[in-house]
Amino acid sequence: MVSIKGIKANLEKIQAILDIELPRTVQDVQKLNGGVTALSRFIFRSGKRCLPFFKILRGEYPTWNDDCRQPFESLKRYLLLPPL
């Protein structure tokens, strides 16, 4: 949000990012990948950040594990940072 005081984050958008839950099904992972793909031009090294999510879809990871949780939390933190 742009105002006289400068640029501020929209609290509703931040809350939406914070409310993203861990994917529990293959369809949830597909939705996550679709959302990241739509935003990929705004996410630095999106392919590297999201590689574990794509590995789940390819069958390299049989289930959601800590190798996926850490990149998921990292992606959420990255999306909350203001652009430089």
C-alpha atoms as a PDB file:
ATOM      1  CA  MET A   1       0.000   0.000   0.000  1.00  0.00           C
ATOM      2  CA  VAL A   2       1.437   3.387  -0.977  1.00  0.00           C
ATOM      3  CA  SER A   3       0.758   6.418   1.200  1.00  0.00           C
ATOM      4  CA  ILE A   4       2.361   9.704   2.142  1.00  0.00           C
ATOM      5  CA  LYS A   5       4.371   7.865   4.788  1.00  0.00           C
ATOM      6  CA  GLY A   6       5.797   5.445   2.226  1.00  0.00           C
ATOM      7  CA  ILE A   7       5.186   1.898   1.077  1.00  0.00           C
ATOM      8  CA  LYS A   8       3.582  -0.478   3.559  1.00  0.00           C
ATOM      9  CA  ALA A   9       2.526  -4.092   3.288  1.00  0.00           C
ATOM     10  CA  ASN A  10      -1.169  -4.864   3.044  1.00  0.00           C
ATOM     11  CA  LEU A  11      -2.014  -6.739   6.247  1.00  0.00           C
ATOM     12  CA  GLU A  12      -4.725  -8.800   4.544  1.00  0.00           C
ATOM     13  CA  LYS A  13      -2.204 -10.137   2.016  1.00  0.00           C
ATOM     14  CA  ILE A  14       0.305 -10.929   4.740  1.00  0.00           C
ATOM     15  CA  GLN A  15      -2.325 -12.832   6.692  1.00  0.00           C
ATOM     16  CA  ALA A  16      -3.192 -14.854   3.582  1.00  0.00           C
ATOM     17  CA  ILE A  17       0.446 -15.968   3.300  1.00  0.00           C
ATOM     18  CA  LEU A  18       0.639 -16.809   7.000  1.00  0.00           C
ATOM     19  CA  ASP A  19      -2.541 -18.880   6.725  1.00  0.00           C
ATOM     20  CA  ILE A  20      -1.142 -21.171   4.014  1.00  0.00           C
ATOM     21  CA  GLU A  21      -1.169 -24.664   5.485  1.00  0.00           C
ATOM     22  CA  LEU A  22       1.201 -27.517   4.804  1.00  0.00           C
ATOM     23  CA  PRO A  23       0.038 -29.566   1.824  1.00  0.00           C
ATOM     24  CA  ARG A  24      -1.472 -32.871   2.924  1.00  0.00           C
ATOM     25  CA  THR A  25      -2.420 -34.463  -0.398  1.00  0.00           C
ATOM     26  CA  VAL A  26      -0.971 -34.621  -3.890  1.00  0.00           C
ATOM     27  CA  GLN A  27      -3.678 -32.186  -4.990  1.00  0.00           C
ATOM     28  CA  ASP A  28      -2.539 -29.720  -2.299  1.00  0.00           C
ATOM     29  CA  VAL A  29       1.039 -29.976  -3.593  1.00  0.00           C
ATOM     30  CA  GLN A  30      -0.226 -29.392  -7.145  1.00  0.00           C
ATOM     31  CA  LYS A  31      -2.084 -26.272  -5.980  1.00  0.00           C
ATOM     32  CA  LEU A  32       1.036 -25.028  -4.199  1.00  0.00           C
ATOM     33  CA  ASN A  33       3.153 -25.607  -7.312  1.00  0.00           C
ATOM     34  CA  GLY A  34       0.573 -23.816  -9.449  1.00  0.00           C
ATOM     35  CA  GLY A  35       0.574 -20.803  -7.154  1.00  0.00           C
ATOM     36  CA  VAL A  36       4.357 -20.669  -7.066  1.00  0.00           C
ATOM     37  CA  THR A  37       4.505 -21.002 -10.850  1.00  0.00           C
ATOM     38  CA  ALA A  38       2.110 -18.078 -11.220  1.00  0.00           C
ATOM     39  CA  LEU A  39       4.352 -15.972  -8.970  1.00  0.00           C
ATOM     40  CA  SER A  40       7.677 -17.329 -10.245  1.00  0.00           C
ATOM     41  CA  ARG A  41       8.714 -14.127 -11.973  1.00  0.00           C
ATOM     42  CA  PHE A  42       8.579 -12.396  -8.583  1.00  0.00           C
ATOM     43  CA  ILE A  43      10.337 -15.162  -6.620  1.00  0.00           C
ATOM     44  CA  PHE A  44      14.121 -15.237  -6.858  1.00  0.00           C
ATOM     45  CA  ARG A  45      15.296 -18.762  -7.767  1.00  0.00           C
ATOM     46  CA  SER A  46      11.793 -20.153  -7.527  1.00  0.00           C
ATOM     47  CA  GLY A  47      12.813 -23.422  -9.178  1.00  0.00           C
ATOM     48  CA  LYS A  48      15.486 -24.115  -6.594  1.00  0.00           C
ATOM     49  CA  ARG A  49      13.228 -23.058  -3.722  1.00  0.00           C
ATOM     50  CA  CYS A  50      10.398 -25.352  -4.842  1.00  0.00           C
ATOM     51  CA  LEU A  51      12.357 -28.375  -6.063  1.00  0.00           C
ATOM     52  CA  PRO A  52      11.217 -30.619  -3.160  1.00  0.00           C
ATOM     53  CA  PHE A  53       7.572 -29.920  -4.042  1.00  0.00           C
ATOM     54  CA  PHE A  54       8.139 -31.030  -7.628  1.00  0.00           C
ATOM     55  CA  LYS A  55      10.028 -34.121  -6.418  1.00  0.00           C
ATOM     56  CA  ILE A  56       6.902 -35.198  -4.546  1.00  0.00           C
ATOM     57  CA  LEU A  57       4.891 -35.037  -7.755  1.00  0.00           C
ATOM     58  CA  ARG A  58       7.546 -37.023  -9.630  1.00  0.00           C
ATOM     59  CA  GLY A  59       7.496 -39.689  -6.919  1.00  0.00           C
ATOM     60  CA  GLU A  60      11.041 -39.099  -5.665  1.00  0.00           C
ATOM     61  CA  TYR A  61       9.683 -38.346  -2.187  1.00  0.00           C
ATOM     62  CA  PRO A  62       6.914 -40.759  -1.217  1.00  0.00           C
ATOM     63  CA  THR A  63       5.440 -38.446   1.415  1.00  0.00           C
ATOM     64  CA  TRP A  64       5.728 -34.934   2.762  1.00  0.00           C
ATOM     65  CA  ASN A  65       8.811 -34.908   5.016  1.00  0.00           C
ATOM     66  CA  ASP A  66      11.268 -32.503   6.640  1.00  0.00           C
ATOM     67  CA  ASP A  67      13.047 -32.093   3.292  1.00  0.00           C
ATOM     68  CA  CYS A  68       9.810 -30.443   2.135  1.00  0.00           C
ATOM     69  CA  ARG A  69       8.783 -28.649   5.318  1.00  0.00           C
ATOM     70  CA  GLN A  70      11.904 -26.481   5.534  1.00  0.00           C
ATOM     71  CA  PRO A  71      11.631 -25.134   1.944  1.00  0.00           C
ATOM     72  CA  PHE A  72       7.907 -24.535   2.507  1.00  0.00           C
ATOM     73  CA  GLU A  73       8.563 -22.435   5.625  1.00  0.00           C
ATOM     74  CA  SER A  74      11.450 -20.686   3.863  1.00  0.00           C
ATOM     75  CA  LEU A  75       9.181 -19.825   0.925  1.00  0.00           C
ATOM     76  CA  LYS A  76       6.564 -18.371   3.275  1.00  0.00           C
ATOM     77  CA  ARG A  77       9.219 -16.226   5.005  1.00  0.00           C
ATOM     78  CA  TYR A  78      10.525 -15.069   1.615  1.00  0.00           C
ATOM     79  CA  LEU A  79       7.047 -14.050   0.455  1.00  0.00           C
ATOM     80  CA  LEU A  80       6.613 -11.945   3.599  1.00  0.00           C
ATOM     81  CA  LEU A  81       9.750  -9.899   2.948  1.00  0.00           C
ATOM     82  CA  PRO A  82       9.333  -6.572   1.178  1.00  0.00           C
ATOM     83  CA  PRO A  83      10.862  -6.414  -2.306  1.00  0.00           C
ATOM     84  CA  LEU A  84      14.250  -4.755  -2.568  1.00  0.00           C
END
